Structures are given as structure tokens and as C-alpha cells.
Amino acid sequence: MDDKVKIRCPACTRMFREKANRIRDGFQVNCQNCNKLITLSKEAEDPFIRRTLKMAREIRAAKEAELVAATYAGVASAPKRETS
């Protein structure tokens, strides 16, 4: 799974990518094409910005679930310690 999400600039309508664990409500990023400051907010009127926030949240949740599953699988499959 890729850990980056696409962001569409409302000014120049070009796409660029940013890491999902950085994308949160209120995050600000400069467009890599036109250098305009974009504020990502869940109250934004632009559906592409709301979709970006949703995808970042889903990717973070999937990564966390994967980490938890790997952690518990490692604990359950560990050999029992011998006591003397």
C-alpha cells in the first residue's frame, strides 16, 4: 500500500502527492506547481480537498491496523519460555 495521497490544487488544478501521516485537518502545504498555499480543512467547499483528508485518514487507520495485527501475531507466535 502506498502511503501518499494525491492533492489537487484548486488554483492550477494540477495534482501532487504528500505523505498521508502528515495530512490532517488544518494542515497547510504549498502547491508544487504554482506555489500557492493550500489549507486542508474538512469544512472546505472543494470536494477534492475533503476527499484527500478522507483518504489520508483511511490510510493511517489501515497502517495502524496492520501494525496492531503484526504486533499481536508476533506475541501469539512467540515460543513459551521454559522455567526451571
Protein backbone atom coordinates (compact mmCIF):
# COMPACT_ATOMS: atom_id res chain seq x y z
CA MET A 1 0.00 0.00 0.00
CA ASP A 2 1.25 3.44 -0.92
CA ASP A 3 1.46 5.87 1.99
CA LYS A 4 0.95 9.01 -0.10
CA VAL A 5 -2.26 10.74 -1.13
CA LYS A 6 -2.94 12.95 -4.12
CA ILE A 7 -3.78 16.59 -3.54
CA ARG A 8 -5.43 18.65 -6.29
CA CYS A 9 -4.57 22.32 -6.23
CA PRO A 10 -7.72 24.46 -6.51
CA ALA A 11 -5.81 27.26 -8.29
CA CYS A 12 -3.97 25.40 -11.05
CA THR A 13 -5.94 22.09 -10.90
CA ARG A 14 -2.74 20.04 -11.04
CA MET A 15 -2.12 17.04 -8.81
CA PHE A 16 0.78 16.42 -6.43
CA ARG A 17 1.40 13.91 -3.66
CA GLU A 18 2.04 14.21 0.08
CA LYS A 19 2.55 11.63 2.82
CA ALA A 20 -0.71 10.54 4.45
CA ASN A 21 0.59 10.72 8.02
CA ARG A 22 1.24 14.48 7.56
CA ILE A 23 -2.21 15.26 6.16
CA ARG A 24 -4.58 16.37 8.94
CA ASP A 25 -7.37 18.90 9.32
CA GLY A 26 -5.79 22.37 9.24
CA PHE A 27 -2.59 21.22 7.52
CA GLN A 28 -1.08 23.76 5.12
CA VAL A 29 1.01 22.86 2.10
CA ASN A 30 2.34 24.79 -0.89
CA CYS A 31 1.35 23.57 -4.33
CA GLN A 32 4.43 22.17 -6.02
CA ASN A 33 3.36 23.61 -9.37
CA CYS A 34 2.06 27.14 -8.71
CA ASN A 35 3.42 27.58 -5.14
CA LYS A 36 0.00 28.63 -3.78
CA LEU A 37 -0.63 27.91 -0.08
CA ILE A 38 -3.39 25.32 0.34
CA THR A 39 -5.08 24.84 3.71
CA LEU A 40 -6.68 21.43 4.05
CA SER A 41 -9.88 21.61 6.07
CA LYS A 42 -12.81 19.23 6.35
CA GLU A 43 -15.16 22.23 6.07
CA ALA A 44 -13.71 23.20 2.66
CA GLU A 45 -16.10 23.60 -0.25
CA ASP A 46 -13.70 21.84 -2.61
CA PRO A 47 -14.65 18.13 -2.76
CA PHE A 48 -11.11 17.18 -3.78
CA ILE A 49 -9.69 18.55 -0.51
CA ARG A 50 -12.31 16.68 1.55
CA ARG A 51 -11.55 13.51 -0.41
CA THR A 52 -7.81 13.95 0.27
CA LEU A 53 -8.44 14.22 4.01
CA LYS A 54 -10.67 11.14 3.94
CA MET A 55 -8.12 9.06 2.01
CA ALA A 56 -5.32 10.12 4.39
CA ARG A 57 -7.46 9.12 7.39
CA GLU A 58 -8.23 5.73 5.81
CA ILE A 59 -4.56 5.07 5.01
CA ARG A 60 -3.49 5.97 8.56
CA ALA A 61 -6.17 3.66 10.00
CA ALA A 62 -5.11 0.80 7.71
CA LYS A 63 -1.44 1.25 8.64
CA GLU A 64 -2.32 1.28 12.35
CA ALA A 65 -4.47 -1.86 11.99
CA GLU A 66 -1.62 -3.56 10.12
CA LEU A 67 0.81 -2.64 12.89
CA VAL A 68 -1.53 -3.90 15.61
CA ALA A 69 -2.14 -7.17 13.75
CA ALA A 70 1.60 -7.69 13.27
CA THR A 71 2.28 -6.93 16.93
CA TYR A 72 -0.32 -9.36 18.24
CA ALA A 73 0.68 -12.04 15.73
CA GLY A 74 4.26 -11.78 16.96
CA VAL A 75 3.21 -12.12 20.61
CA ALA A 76 0.93 -15.07 19.96
CA SER A 77 3.50 -16.96 17.90
CA ALA A 78 6.41 -16.46 20.31
CA PRO A 79 7.62 -19.69 21.90
CA LYS A 80 6.86 -20.15 25.59
CA ARG A 81 9.73 -19.59 27.96
CA GLU A 82 10.97 -22.55 29.92
CA THR A 83 11.06 -22.21 33.67
CA SER A 84 13.34 -24.29 35.77
